[in-house]
Amino acid sequence: MPEQPAFWRMYRDGFEGKQVEVVLRKWRRQRSLPQNSWYWSCIVMGLATETGHTSQEIHEALKHRFLSRIEGKLEITRSTADLTTAEFSEYCERCRVLAAEMGLSITNPGEYE
């Protein structure tokens, strides 16, 4: 178990003589695999079928619309892989609203298998 000092000593010893980088940050739950699967299968593919665009084009357009911000002179777009489960749920809901505005009904996450 990672909480045990012996684990950390064994792990540390594997890097002996090598340069290492240690990153410590607050843990947060990232989007789940079922969330991601539903997003790609229902939202992205639904919009791709409706518009004739590829799934990758739809994904990039949705990210740009809902996950972009301006920092100085740069436009930064977050990756959906970096979103927490709550952030990803909010993002998906915004995508569903956009789809509804286009006349497309997206299956609810609980109805998707």
PDB file of N, CA and C in Angstrom:
ATOM      1  N   MET A   1       0.840  -1.186   0.000  1.00  0.00           N
ATOM      2  CA  MET A   1       0.000   0.000   0.000  1.00  0.00           C
ATOM      3  C   MET A   1       0.884   1.248   0.000  1.00  0.00           C
ATOM      4  N   PRO A   2       0.495   2.277  -0.753  1.00  0.00           N
ATOM      5  CA  PRO A   2       1.296   3.496  -0.811  1.00  0.00           C
ATOM      6  C   PRO A   2       1.455   4.206   0.524  1.00  0.00           C
ATOM      7  N   GLU A   3       0.540   3.990   1.491  1.00  0.00           N
ATOM      8  CA  GLU A   3       0.631   4.672   2.783  1.00  0.00           C
ATOM      9  C   GLU A   3       1.772   4.124   3.641  1.00  0.00           C
ATOM     10  N   GLN A   4       2.319   2.970   3.291  1.00  0.00           N
ATOM     11  CA  GLN A   4       3.324   2.319   4.115  1.00  0.00           C
ATOM     12  C   GLN A   4       4.731   2.778   3.742  1.00  0.00           C
ATOM     13  N   PRO A   5       5.532   3.148   4.742  1.00  0.00           N
ATOM     14  CA  PRO A   5       6.888   3.635   4.480  1.00  0.00           C
ATOM     15  C   PRO A   5       7.734   2.650   3.666  1.00  0.00           C
ATOM     16  N   ALA A   6       7.555   1.345   3.882  1.00  0.00           N
ATOM     17  CA  ALA A   6       8.341   0.357   3.134  1.00  0.00           C
ATOM     18  C   ALA A   6       8.073   0.458   1.638  1.00  0.00           C
ATOM     19  N   PHE A   7       6.828   0.728   1.277  1.00  0.00           N
ATOM     20  CA  PHE A   7       6.481   0.897  -0.134  1.00  0.00           C
ATOM     21  C   PHE A   7       7.260   2.059  -0.728  1.00  0.00           C
ATOM     22  N   TRP A   8       7.272   3.184  -0.027  1.00  0.00           N
ATOM     23  CA  TRP A   8       7.945   4.371  -0.538  1.00  0.00           C
ATOM     24  C   TRP A   8       9.454   4.171  -0.627  1.00  0.00           C
ATOM     25  N   ARG A   9      10.039   3.479   0.341  1.00  0.00           N
ATOM     26  CA  ARG A   9      11.487   3.201   0.278  1.00  0.00           C
ATOM     27  C   ARG A   9      11.797   2.345  -0.947  1.00  0.00           C
ATOM     28  N   MET A  10      11.002   1.307  -1.185  1.00  0.00           N
ATOM     29  CA  MET A  10      11.218   0.433  -2.331  1.00  0.00           C
ATOM     30  C   MET A  10      11.063   1.235  -3.633  1.00  0.00           C
ATOM     31  N   TYR A  11      10.051   2.069  -3.693  1.00  0.00           N
ATOM     32  CA  TYR A  11       9.812   2.879  -4.875  1.00  0.00           C
ATOM     33  C   TYR A  11      10.965   3.859  -5.092  1.00  0.00           C
ATOM     34  N   ARG A  12      11.386   4.534  -4.011  1.00  0.00           N
ATOM     35  CA  ARG A  12      12.478   5.508  -4.073  1.00  0.00           C
ATOM     36  C   ARG A  12      13.771   4.846  -4.512  1.00  0.00           C
ATOM     37  N   ASP A  13      14.052   3.670  -3.989  1.00  0.00           N
ATOM     38  CA  ASP A  13      15.300   2.977  -4.309  1.00  0.00           C
ATOM     39  C   ASP A  13      15.402   2.618  -5.783  1.00  0.00           C
ATOM     40  N   GLY A  14      14.266   2.484  -6.451  1.00  0.00           N
ATOM     41  CA  GLY A  14      14.274   2.180  -7.885  1.00  0.00           C
ATOM     42  C   GLY A  14      14.795   3.329  -8.727  1.00  0.00           C
ATOM     43  N   PHE A  15      14.886   4.515  -8.141  1.00  0.00           N
ATOM     44  CA  PHE A  15      15.369   5.696  -8.852  1.00  0.00           C
ATOM     45  C   PHE A  15      16.791   6.074  -8.459  1.00  0.00           C
ATOM     46  N   GLU A  16      17.453   5.239  -7.703  1.00  0.00           N
ATOM     47  CA  GLU A  16      18.790   5.571  -7.225  1.00  0.00           C
ATOM     48  C   GLU A  16      19.713   5.899  -8.394  1.00  0.00           C
ATOM     49  N   GLY A  17      20.389   7.028  -8.274  1.00  0.00           N
ATOM     50  CA  GLY A  17      21.325   7.470  -9.303  1.00  0.00           C
ATOM     51  C   GLY A  17      20.665   8.192 -10.470  1.00  0.00           C
ATOM     52  N   LYS A  18      19.363   8.375 -10.427  1.00  0.00           N
ATOM     53  CA  LYS A  18      18.649   9.030 -11.520  1.00  0.00           C
ATOM     54  C   LYS A  18      18.045  10.341 -11.026  1.00  0.00           C
ATOM     55  N   GLN A  19      17.876  11.272 -11.952  1.00  0.00           N
ATOM     56  CA  GLN A  19      17.174  12.509 -11.621  1.00  0.00           C
ATOM     57  C   GLN A  19      15.679  12.210 -11.580  1.00  0.00           C
ATOM     58  N   VAL A  20      15.000  12.785 -10.596  1.00  0.00           N
ATOM     59  CA  VAL A  20      13.563  12.562 -10.476  1.00  0.00           C
ATOM     60  C   VAL A  20      12.835  13.892 -10.286  1.00  0.00           C
ATOM     61  N   GLU A  21      11.555  13.871 -10.558  1.00  0.00           N
ATOM     62  CA  GLU A  21      10.686  15.019 -10.303  1.00  0.00           C
ATOM     63  C   GLU A  21       9.536  14.501  -9.446  1.00  0.00           C
ATOM     64  N   VAL A  22       9.236  15.214  -8.385  1.00  0.00           N
ATOM     65  CA  VAL A  22       8.144  14.835  -7.504  1.00  0.00           C
ATOM     66  C   VAL A  22       7.079  15.919  -7.585  1.00  0.00           C
ATOM     67  N   VAL A  23       5.846  15.520  -7.880  1.00  0.00           N
ATOM     68  CA  VAL A  23       4.727  16.450  -7.956  1.00  0.00           C
ATOM     69  C   VAL A  23       3.720  16.044  -6.896  1.00  0.00           C
ATOM     70  N   LEU A  24       3.342  17.002  -6.078  1.00  0.00           N
ATOM     71  CA  LEU A  24       2.373  16.756  -5.025  1.00  0.00           C
ATOM     72  C   LEU A  24       1.225  17.735  -5.206  1.00  0.00           C
ATOM     73  N   ARG A  25       0.017  17.222  -5.359  1.00  0.00           N
ATOM     74  CA  ARG A  25      -1.146  18.080  -5.513  1.00  0.00           C
ATOM     75  C   ARG A  25      -2.359  17.416  -4.887  1.00  0.00           C
ATOM     76  N   LYS A  26      -3.364  18.206  -4.628  1.00  0.00           N
ATOM     77  CA  LYS A  26      -4.589  17.700  -4.030  1.00  0.00           C
ATOM     78  C   LYS A  26      -5.235  16.714  -5.000  1.00  0.00           C
ATOM     79  N   TRP A  27      -5.668  15.577  -4.485  1.00  0.00           N
ATOM     80  CA  TRP A  27      -6.304  14.566  -5.307  1.00  0.00           C
ATOM     81  C   TRP A  27      -7.703  15.017  -5.687  1.00  0.00           C
ATOM     82  N   ARG A  28      -8.077  14.765  -6.910  1.00  0.00           N
ATOM     83  CA  ARG A  28      -9.423  15.047  -7.363  1.00  0.00           C
ATOM     84  C   ARG A  28      -9.862  13.948  -8.306  1.00  0.00           C
ATOM     85  N   ARG A  29     -11.110  13.612  -8.224  1.00  0.00           N
ATOM     86  CA  ARG A  29     -11.654  12.532  -9.042  1.00  0.00           C
ATOM     87  C   ARG A  29     -11.831  13.034 -10.468  1.00  0.00           C
ATOM     88  N   GLN A  30     -11.168  12.385 -11.417  1.00  0.00           N
ATOM     89  CA  GLN A  30     -11.291  12.763 -12.816  1.00  0.00           C
ATOM     90  C   GLN A  30     -12.535  12.122 -13.405  1.00  0.00           C
ATOM     91  N   ARG A  31     -12.930  12.620 -14.559  1.00  0.00           N
ATOM     92  CA  ARG A  31     -14.116  12.081 -15.221  1.00  0.00           C
ATOM     93  C   ARG A  31     -14.019  10.568 -15.284  1.00  0.00           C
ATOM     94  N   SER A  32     -15.159   9.907 -15.235  1.00  0.00           N
ATOM     95  CA  SER A  32     -15.174   8.447 -15.208  1.00  0.00           C
ATOM     96  C   SER A  32     -15.200   7.886 -16.632  1.00  0.00           C
ATOM     97  N   LEU A  33     -14.826   6.636 -16.763  1.00  0.00           N
ATOM     98  CA  LEU A  33     -14.882   5.983 -18.070  1.00  0.00           C
ATOM     99  C   LEU A  33     -16.315   5.885 -18.586  1.00  0.00           C
ATOM    100  N   PRO A  34     -17.305   5.540 -17.721  1.00  0.00           N
ATOM    101  CA  PRO A  34     -18.686   5.545 -18.226  1.00  0.00           C
ATOM    102  C   PRO A  34     -19.138   6.930 -18.698  1.00  0.00           C
ATOM    103  N   GLN A  35     -18.741   7.983 -17.990  1.00  0.00           N
ATOM    104  CA  GLN A  35     -19.073   9.345 -18.426  1.00  0.00           C
ATOM    105  C   GLN A  35     -18.486   9.608 -19.807  1.00  0.00           C
ATOM    106  N   ASN A  36     -17.229   9.267 -19.978  1.00  0.00           N
ATOM    107  CA  ASN A  36     -16.544   9.513 -21.244  1.00  0.00           C
ATOM    108  C   ASN A  36     -17.170   8.704 -22.370  1.00  0.00           C
ATOM    109  N   SER A  37     -17.508   7.460 -22.081  1.00  0.00           N
ATOM    110  CA  SER A  37     -18.134   6.600 -23.085  1.00  0.00           C
ATOM    111  C   SER A  37     -19.478   7.172 -23.528  1.00  0.00           C
ATOM    112  N   TRP A  38     -20.292   7.619 -22.571  1.00  0.00           N
ATOM    113  CA  TRP A  38     -21.582   8.221 -22.888  1.00  0.00           C
ATOM    114  C   TRP A  38     -21.396   9.496 -23.713  1.00  0.00           C
ATOM    115  N   TYR A  39     -20.435  10.312 -23.331  1.00  0.00           N
ATOM    116  CA  TYR A  39     -20.159  11.552 -24.063  1.00  0.00           C
ATOM    117  C   TYR A  39     -19.863  11.263 -25.533  1.00  0.00           C
ATOM    118  N   TRP A  40     -18.928  10.338 -25.780  1.00  0.00           N
ATOM    119  CA  TRP A  40     -18.534  10.037 -27.158  1.00  0.00           C
ATOM    120  C   TRP A  40     -19.641   9.323 -27.929  1.00  0.00           C
ATOM    121  N   SER A  41     -20.324   8.384 -27.287  1.00  0.00           N
ATOM    122  CA  SER A  41     -21.344   7.589 -27.980  1.00  0.00           C
ATOM    123  C   SER A  41     -22.630   8.364 -28.243  1.00  0.00           C
ATOM    124  N   CYS A  42     -23.057   9.149 -27.283  1.00  0.00           N
ATOM    125  CA  CYS A  42     -24.354   9.828 -27.408  1.00  0.00           C
ATOM    126  C   CYS A  42     -24.241  11.272 -27.874  1.00  0.00           C
ATOM    127  N   ILE A  43     -23.416  12.044 -27.205  1.00  0.00           N
ATOM    128  CA  ILE A  43     -23.328  13.470 -27.548  1.00  0.00           C
ATOM    129  C   ILE A  43     -22.535  13.671 -28.836  1.00  0.00           C
ATOM    130  N   VAL A  44     -21.299  13.231 -28.836  1.00  0.00           N
ATOM    131  CA  VAL A  44     -20.424  13.487 -29.990  1.00  0.00           C
ATOM    132  C   VAL A  44     -20.944  12.796 -31.240  1.00  0.00           C
ATOM    133  N   MET A  45     -21.252  11.502 -31.138  1.00  0.00           N
ATOM    134  CA  MET A  45     -21.715  10.780 -32.323  1.00  0.00           C
ATOM    135  C   MET A  45     -23.083  11.284 -32.779  1.00  0.00           C
ATOM    136  N   GLY A  46     -23.955  11.645 -31.822  1.00  0.00           N
ATOM    137  CA  GLY A  46     -25.255  12.208 -32.198  1.00  0.00           C
ATOM    138  C   GLY A  46     -25.100  13.486 -32.998  1.00  0.00           C
ATOM    139  N   LEU A  47     -24.255  14.378 -32.518  1.00  0.00           N
ATOM    140  CA  LEU A  47     -24.017  15.630 -33.233  1.00  0.00           C
ATOM    141  C   LEU A  47     -23.285  15.405 -34.555  1.00  0.00           C
ATOM    142  N   ALA A  48     -22.370  14.448 -34.584  1.00  0.00           N
ATOM    143  CA  ALA A  48     -21.648  14.153 -35.831  1.00  0.00           C
ATOM    144  C   ALA A  48     -22.618  13.642 -36.894  1.00  0.00           C
ATOM    145  N   THR A  49     -23.492  12.746 -36.498  1.00  0.00           N
ATOM    146  CA  THR A  49     -24.479  12.205 -37.436  1.00  0.00           C
ATOM    147  C   THR A  49     -25.416  13.305 -37.925  1.00  0.00           C
ATOM    148  N   GLU A  50     -25.834  14.156 -37.011  1.00  0.00           N
ATOM    149  CA  GLU A  50     -26.765  15.243 -37.336  1.00  0.00           C
ATOM    150  C   GLU A  50     -26.145  16.276 -38.280  1.00  0.00           C
ATOM    151  N   THR A  51     -24.857  16.578 -38.071  1.00  0.00           N
ATOM    152  CA  THR A  51     -24.222  17.669 -38.822  1.00  0.00           C
ATOM    153  C   THR A  51     -23.380  17.219 -40.010  1.00  0.00           C
ATOM    154  N   GLY A  52     -22.988  15.947 -40.030  1.00  0.00           N
ATOM    155  CA  GLY A  52     -22.123  15.472 -41.106  1.00  0.00           C
ATOM    156  C   GLY A  52     -20.644  15.688 -40.839  1.00  0.00           C
ATOM    157  N   HIS A  53     -20.307  16.206 -39.674  1.00  0.00           N
ATOM    158  CA  HIS A  53     -18.905  16.386 -39.298  1.00  0.00           C
ATOM    159  C   HIS A  53     -18.370  15.094 -38.686  1.00  0.00           C
ATOM    160  N   THR A  54     -17.049  14.979 -38.606  1.00  0.00           N
ATOM    161  CA  THR A  54     -16.457  13.814 -37.948  1.00  0.00           C
ATOM    162  C   THR A  54     -16.600  13.955 -36.440  1.00  0.00           C
ATOM    163  N   SER A  55     -16.478  12.835 -35.752  1.00  0.00           N
ATOM    164  CA  SER A  55     -16.573  12.881 -34.291  1.00  0.00           C
ATOM    165  C   SER A  55     -15.460  13.745 -33.700  1.00  0.00           C
ATOM    166  N   GLN A  56     -14.266  13.698 -34.278  1.00  0.00           N
ATOM    167  CA  GLN A  56     -13.160  14.513 -33.774  1.00  0.00           C
ATOM    168  C   GLN A  56     -13.435  15.998 -33.984  1.00  0.00           C
ATOM    169  N   GLU A  57     -14.022  16.356 -35.131  1.00  0.00           N
ATOM    170  CA  GLU A  57     -14.364  17.760 -35.377  1.00  0.00           C
ATOM    171  C   GLU A  57     -15.405  18.249 -34.357  1.00  0.00           C
ATOM    172  N   ILE A  58     -16.398  17.419 -34.078  1.00  0.00           N
ATOM    173  CA  ILE A  58     -17.422  17.788 -33.096  1.00  0.00           C
ATOM    174  C   ILE A  58     -16.793  17.945 -31.714  1.00  0.00           C
ATOM    175  N   HIS A  59     -15.964  16.991 -31.320  1.00  0.00           N
ATOM    176  CA  HIS A  59     -15.301  17.054 -30.018  1.00  0.00           C
ATOM    177  C   HIS A  59     -14.491  18.343 -29.879  1.00  0.00           C
ATOM    178  N   GLU A  60     -13.699  18.661 -30.894  1.00  0.00           N
ATOM    179  CA  GLU A  60     -12.885  19.884 -30.850  1.00  0.00           C
ATOM    180  C   GLU A  60     -13.765  21.133 -30.806  1.00  0.00           C
ATOM    181  N   ALA A  61     -14.858  21.147 -31.574  1.00  0.00           N
ATOM    182  CA  ALA A  61     -15.756  22.304 -31.579  1.00  0.00           C
ATOM    183  C   ALA A  61     -16.420  22.489 -30.217  1.00  0.00           C
ATOM    184  N   LEU A  62     -16.845  21.393 -29.591  1.00  0.00           N
ATOM    185  CA  LEU A  62     -17.464  21.481 -28.273  1.00  0.00           C
ATOM    186  C   LEU A  62     -16.462  21.966 -27.224  1.00  0.00           C
ATOM    187  N   LYS A  63     -15.249  21.423 -27.257  1.00  0.00           N
ATOM    188  CA  LYS A  63     -14.211  21.883 -26.322  1.00  0.00           C
ATOM    189  C   LYS A  63     -13.953  23.371 -26.511  1.00  0.00           C
ATOM    190  N   HIS A  64     -13.825  23.779 -27.755  1.00  0.00           N
ATOM    191  CA  HIS A  64     -13.542  25.184 -28.040  1.00  0.00           C
ATOM    192  C   HIS A  64     -14.659  26.078 -27.517  1.00  0.00           C
ATOM    193  N   ARG A  65     -15.897  25.648 -27.717  1.00  0.00           N
ATOM    194  CA  ARG A  65     -17.037  26.466 -27.288  1.00  0.00           C
ATOM    195  C   ARG A  65     -17.173  26.549 -25.770  1.00  0.00           C
ATOM    196  N   PHE A  66     -16.948  25.418 -25.079  1.00  0.00           N
ATOM    197  CA  PHE A  66     -17.251  25.375 -23.649  1.00  0.00           C
ATOM    198  C   PHE A  66     -16.044  25.291 -22.714  1.00  0.00           C
ATOM    199  N   LEU A  67     -14.860  24.988 -23.244  1.00  0.00           N
ATOM    200  CA  LEU A  67     -13.697  24.812 -22.367  1.00  0.00           C
ATOM    201  C   LEU A  67     -12.542  25.756 -22.697  1.00  0.00           C
ATOM    202  N   SER A  68     -12.804  26.792 -23.484  1.00  0.00           N
ATOM    203  CA  SER A  68     -11.745  27.731 -23.860  1.00  0.00           C
ATOM    204  C   SER A  68     -11.824  29.002 -23.016  1.00  0.00           C
ATOM    205  N   ARG A  69     -10.660  29.598 -22.820  1.00  0.00           N
ATOM    206  CA  ARG A  69     -10.566  30.874 -22.128  1.00  0.00           C
ATOM    207  C   ARG A  69      -9.360  31.626 -22.699  1.00  0.00           C
ATOM    208  N   ILE A  70      -9.382  32.923 -22.550  1.00  0.00           N
ATOM    209  CA  ILE A  70      -8.277  33.761 -23.017  1.00  0.00           C
ATOM    210  C   ILE A  70      -7.353  34.046 -21.842  1.00  0.00           C
ATOM    211  N   GLU A  71      -6.074  33.780 -22.013  1.00  0.00           N
ATOM    212  CA  GLU A  71      -5.046  34.121 -21.023  1.00  0.00           C
ATOM    213  C   GLU A  71      -4.014  34.981 -21.737  1.00  0.00           C
ATOM    214  N   GLY A  72      -4.034  36.257 -21.442  1.00  0.00           N
ATOM    215  CA  GLY A  72      -3.135  37.172 -22.139  1.00  0.00           C
ATOM    216  C   GLY A  72      -3.516  37.224 -23.602  1.00  0.00           C
ATOM    217  N   LYS A  73      -2.571  36.858 -24.460  1.00  0.00           N
ATOM    218  CA  LYS A  73      -2.832  36.853 -25.901  1.00  0.00           C
ATOM    219  C   LYS A  73      -3.086  35.455 -26.439  1.00  0.00           C
ATOM    220  N   LEU A  74      -3.213  34.481 -25.530  1.00  0.00           N
ATOM    221  CA  LEU A  74      -3.411  33.098 -25.951  1.00  0.00           C
ATOM    222  C   LEU A  74      -4.803  32.597 -25.608  1.00  0.00           C
ATOM    223  N   GLU A  75      -5.345  31.780 -26.478  1.00  0.00           N
ATOM    224  CA  GLU A  75      -6.586  31.086 -26.166  1.00  0.00           C
ATOM    225  C   GLU A  75      -6.209  29.680 -25.696  1.00  0.00           C
ATOM    226  N   ILE A  76      -6.622  29.343 -24.499  1.00  0.00           N
ATOM    227  CA  ILE A  76      -6.303  28.056 -23.888  1.00  0.00           C
ATOM    228  C   ILE A  76      -7.566  27.209 -23.865  1.00  0.00           C
ATOM    229  N   THR A  77      -7.484  25.990 -24.359  1.00  0.00           N
ATOM    230  CA  THR A  77      -8.615  25.067 -24.330  1.00  0.00           C
ATOM    231  C   THR A  77      -8.245  23.873 -23.475  1.00  0.00           C
ATOM    232  N   ARG A  78      -9.043  23.624 -22.451  1.00  0.00           N
ATOM    233  CA  ARG A  78      -8.794  22.491 -21.552  1.00  0.00           C
ATOM    234  C   ARG A  78      -9.102  21.181 -22.258  1.00  0.00           C
ATOM    235  N   SER A  79      -8.445  20.144 -21.822  1.00  0.00           N
ATOM    236  CA  SER A  79      -8.734  18.798 -22.288  1.00  0.00           C
ATOM    237  C   SER A  79      -9.847  18.223 -21.415  1.00  0.00           C
ATOM    238  N   THR A  80     -10.749  17.460 -21.995  1.00  0.00           N
ATOM    239  CA  THR A  80     -11.789  16.828 -21.188  1.00  0.00           C
ATOM    240  C   THR A  80     -11.189  15.807 -20.234  1.00  0.00           C
ATOM    241  N   ALA A  81     -10.021  15.285 -20.544  1.00  0.00           N
ATOM    242  CA  ALA A  81      -9.357  14.312 -19.667  1.00  0.00           C
ATOM    243  C   ALA A  81      -8.925  14.949 -18.348  1.00  0.00           C
ATOM    244  N   ASP A  82      -8.786  16.263 -18.320  1.00  0.00           N
ATOM    245  CA  ASP A  82      -8.359  16.958 -17.109  1.00  0.00           C
ATOM    246  C   ASP A  82      -9.523  17.405 -16.230  1.00  0.00           C
ATOM    247  N   LEU A  83     -10.755  17.179 -16.679  1.00  0.00           N
ATOM    248  CA  LEU A  83     -11.920  17.629 -15.922  1.00  0.00           C
ATOM    249  C   LEU A  83     -12.250  16.657 -14.799  1.00  0.00           C
ATOM    250  N   THR A  84     -12.748  17.195 -13.702  1.00  0.00           N
ATOM    251  CA  THR A  84     -13.242  16.335 -12.628  1.00  0.00           C
ATOM    252  C   THR A  84     -14.585  15.752 -13.083  1.00  0.00           C
ATOM    253  N   THR A  85     -15.106  14.800 -12.321  1.00  0.00           N
ATOM    254  CA  THR A  85     -16.408  14.228 -12.679  1.00  0.00           C
ATOM    255  C   THR A  85     -17.485  15.316 -12.680  1.00  0.00           C
ATOM    256  N   ALA A  86     -17.436  16.227 -11.713  1.00  0.00           N
ATOM    257  CA  ALA A  86     -18.429  17.305 -11.648  1.00  0.00           C
ATOM    258  C   ALA A  86     -18.273  18.266 -12.831  1.00  0.00           C
ATOM    259  N   GLU A  87     -17.039  18.645 -13.139  1.00  0.00           N
ATOM    260  CA  GLU A  87     -16.795  19.538 -14.279  1.00  0.00           C
ATOM    261  C   GLU A  87     -17.228  18.881 -15.584  1.00  0.00           C
ATOM    262  N   PHE A  88     -16.947  17.585 -15.721  1.00  0.00           N
ATOM    263  CA  PHE A  88     -17.312  16.878 -16.945  1.00  0.00           C
ATOM    264  C   PHE A  88     -18.832  16.774 -17.068  1.00  0.00           C
ATOM    265  N   SER A  89     -19.533  16.556 -15.953  1.00  0.00           N
ATOM    266  CA  SER A  89     -20.999  16.512 -15.972  1.00  0.00           C
ATOM    267  C   SER A  89     -21.568  17.853 -16.432  1.00  0.00           C
ATOM    268  N   GLU A  90     -21.008  18.938 -15.902  1.00  0.00           N
ATOM    269  CA  GLU A  90     -21.451  20.273 -16.303  1.00  0.00           C
ATOM    270  C   GLU A  90     -21.178  20.515 -17.783  1.00  0.00           C
ATOM    271  N   TYR A  91     -20.002  20.130 -18.245  1.00  0.00           N
ATOM    272  CA  TYR A  91     -19.632  20.269 -19.656  1.00  0.00           C
ATOM    273  C   TYR A  91     -20.617  19.494 -20.536  1.00  0.00           C
ATOM    274  N   CYS A  92     -20.904  18.246 -20.166  1.00  0.00           N
ATOM    275  CA  CYS A  92     -21.822  17.419 -20.951  1.00  0.00           C
ATOM    276  C   CYS A  92     -23.216  18.038 -20.982  1.00  0.00           C
ATOM    277  N   GLU A  93     -23.655  18.593 -19.871  1.00  0.00           N
ATOM    278  CA  GLU A  93     -24.980  19.225 -19.840  1.00  0.00           C
ATOM    279  C   GLU A  93     -25.027  20.419 -20.782  1.00  0.00           C
ATOM    280  N   ARG A  94     -23.972  21.185 -20.831  1.00  0.00           N
ATOM    281  CA  ARG A  94     -23.920  22.316 -21.762  1.00  0.00           C
ATOM    282  C   ARG A  94     -23.949  21.826 -23.204  1.00  0.00           C
ATOM    283  N   CYS A  95     -23.274  20.711 -23.466  1.00  0.00           N
ATOM    284  CA  CYS A  95     -23.296  20.110 -24.808  1.00  0.00           C
ATOM    285  C   CYS A  95     -24.699  19.618 -25.150  1.00  0.00           C
ATOM    286  N   ARG A  96     -25.388  19.016 -24.174  1.00  0.00           N
ATOM    287  CA  ARG A  96     -26.761  18.534 -24.395  1.00  0.00           C
ATOM    288  C   ARG A  96     -27.706  19.694 -24.691  1.00  0.00           C
ATOM    289  N   VAL A  97     -27.540  20.810 -23.998  1.00  0.00           N
ATOM    290  CA  VAL A  97     -28.377  21.981 -24.253  1.00  0.00           C
ATOM    291  C   VAL A  97     -28.153  22.475 -25.676  1.00  0.00           C
ATOM    292  N   LEU A  98     -26.903  22.535 -26.105  1.00  0.00           N
ATOM    293  CA  LEU A  98     -26.597  22.949 -27.473  1.00  0.00           C
ATOM    294  C   LEU A  98     -27.248  21.998 -28.472  1.00  0.00           C
ATOM    295  N   ALA A  99     -27.137  20.690 -28.212  1.00  0.00           N
ATOM    296  CA  ALA A  99     -27.752  19.701 -29.099  1.00  0.00           C
ATOM    297  C   ALA A  99     -29.267  19.901 -29.159  1.00  0.00           C
ATOM    298  N   ALA A 100     -29.888  20.161 -28.010  1.00  0.00           N
ATOM    299  CA  ALA A 100     -31.338  20.393 -27.972  1.00  0.00           C
ATOM    300  C   ALA A 100     -31.712  21.626 -28.785  1.00  0.00           C
ATOM    301  N   GLU A 101     -30.876  22.665 -28.702  1.00  0.00           N
ATOM    302  CA  GLU A 101     -31.127  23.880 -29.491  1.00  0.00           C
ATOM    303  C   GLU A 101     -31.056  23.589 -30.991  1.00  0.00           C
ATOM    304  N   MET A 102     -30.326  22.528 -31.345  1.00  0.00           N
ATOM    305  CA  MET A 102     -30.203  22.120 -32.749  1.00  0.00           C
ATOM    306  C   MET A 102     -31.280  21.103 -33.125  1.00  0.00           C
ATOM    307  N   GLY A 103     -32.156  20.790 -32.159  1.00  0.00           N
ATOM    308  CA  GLY A 103     -33.244  19.855 -32.429  1.00  0.00           C
ATOM    309  C   GLY A 103     -32.898  18.399 -32.198  1.00  0.00           C
ATOM    310  N   LEU A 104     -31.782  18.148 -31.530  1.00  0.00           N
ATOM    311  CA  LEU A 104     -31.329  16.774 -31.298  1.00  0.00           C
ATOM    312  C   LEU A 104     -31.517  16.410 -29.834  1.00  0.00           C
ATOM    313  N   SER A 105     -32.190  15.310 -29.574  1.00  0.00           N
ATOM    314  CA  SER A 105     -32.393  14.827 -28.214  1.00  0.00           C
ATOM    315  C   SER A 105     -31.307  13.802 -27.886  1.00  0.00           C
ATOM    316  N   ILE A 106     -30.601  14.031 -26.793  1.00  0.00           N
ATOM    317  CA  ILE A 106     -29.517  13.142 -26.362  1.00  0.00           C
ATOM    318  C   ILE A 106     -30.008  12.250 -25.228  1.00  0.00           C
ATOM    319  N   THR A 107     -29.743  10.972 -25.323  1.00  0.00           N
ATOM    320  CA  THR A 107     -30.103  10.019 -24.288  1.00  0.00           C
ATOM    321  C   THR A 107     -29.493  10.418 -22.955  1.00  0.00           C
ATOM    322  N   ASN A 108     -30.257  10.305 -21.876  1.00  0.00           N
ATOM    323  CA  ASN A 108     -29.742  10.581 -20.534  1.00  0.00           C
ATOM    324  C   ASN A 108     -28.654   9.573 -20.170  1.00  0.00           C
ATOM    325  N   PRO A 109     -27.690   9.983 -19.349  1.00  0.00           N
ATOM    326  CA  PRO A 109     -26.613   9.058 -18.958  1.00  0.00           C
ATOM    327  C   PRO A 109     -27.139   7.770 -18.341  1.00  0.00           C
ATOM    328  N   GLY A 110     -28.190   7.846 -17.517  1.00  0.00           N
ATOM    329  CA  GLY A 110     -28.732   6.653 -16.871  1.00  0.00           C
ATOM    330  C   GLY A 110     -29.443   5.719 -17.819  1.00  0.00           C
ATOM    331  N   GLU A 111     -29.800   6.201 -19.012  1.00  0.00           N
ATOM    332  CA  GLU A 111     -30.500   5.390 -20.010  1.00  0.00           C
ATOM    333  C   GLU A 111     -29.534   4.755 -20.998  1.00  0.00           C
ATOM    334  N   TYR A 112     -28.276   5.188 -20.958  1.00  0.00           N
ATOM    335  CA  TYR A 112     -27.259   4.676 -21.877  1.00  0.00           C
ATOM    336  C   TYR A 112     -26.624   3.434 -21.299  1.00  0.00           C
ATOM    337  N   GLU A 113     -26.465   2.417 -22.137  1.00  0.00           N
ATOM    338  CA  GLU A 113     -25.799   1.177 -21.683  1.00  0.00           C
ATOM    339  C   GLU A 113     -24.515   0.974 -22.421  1.00  0.00           C
TER     340      GLU A 113
END
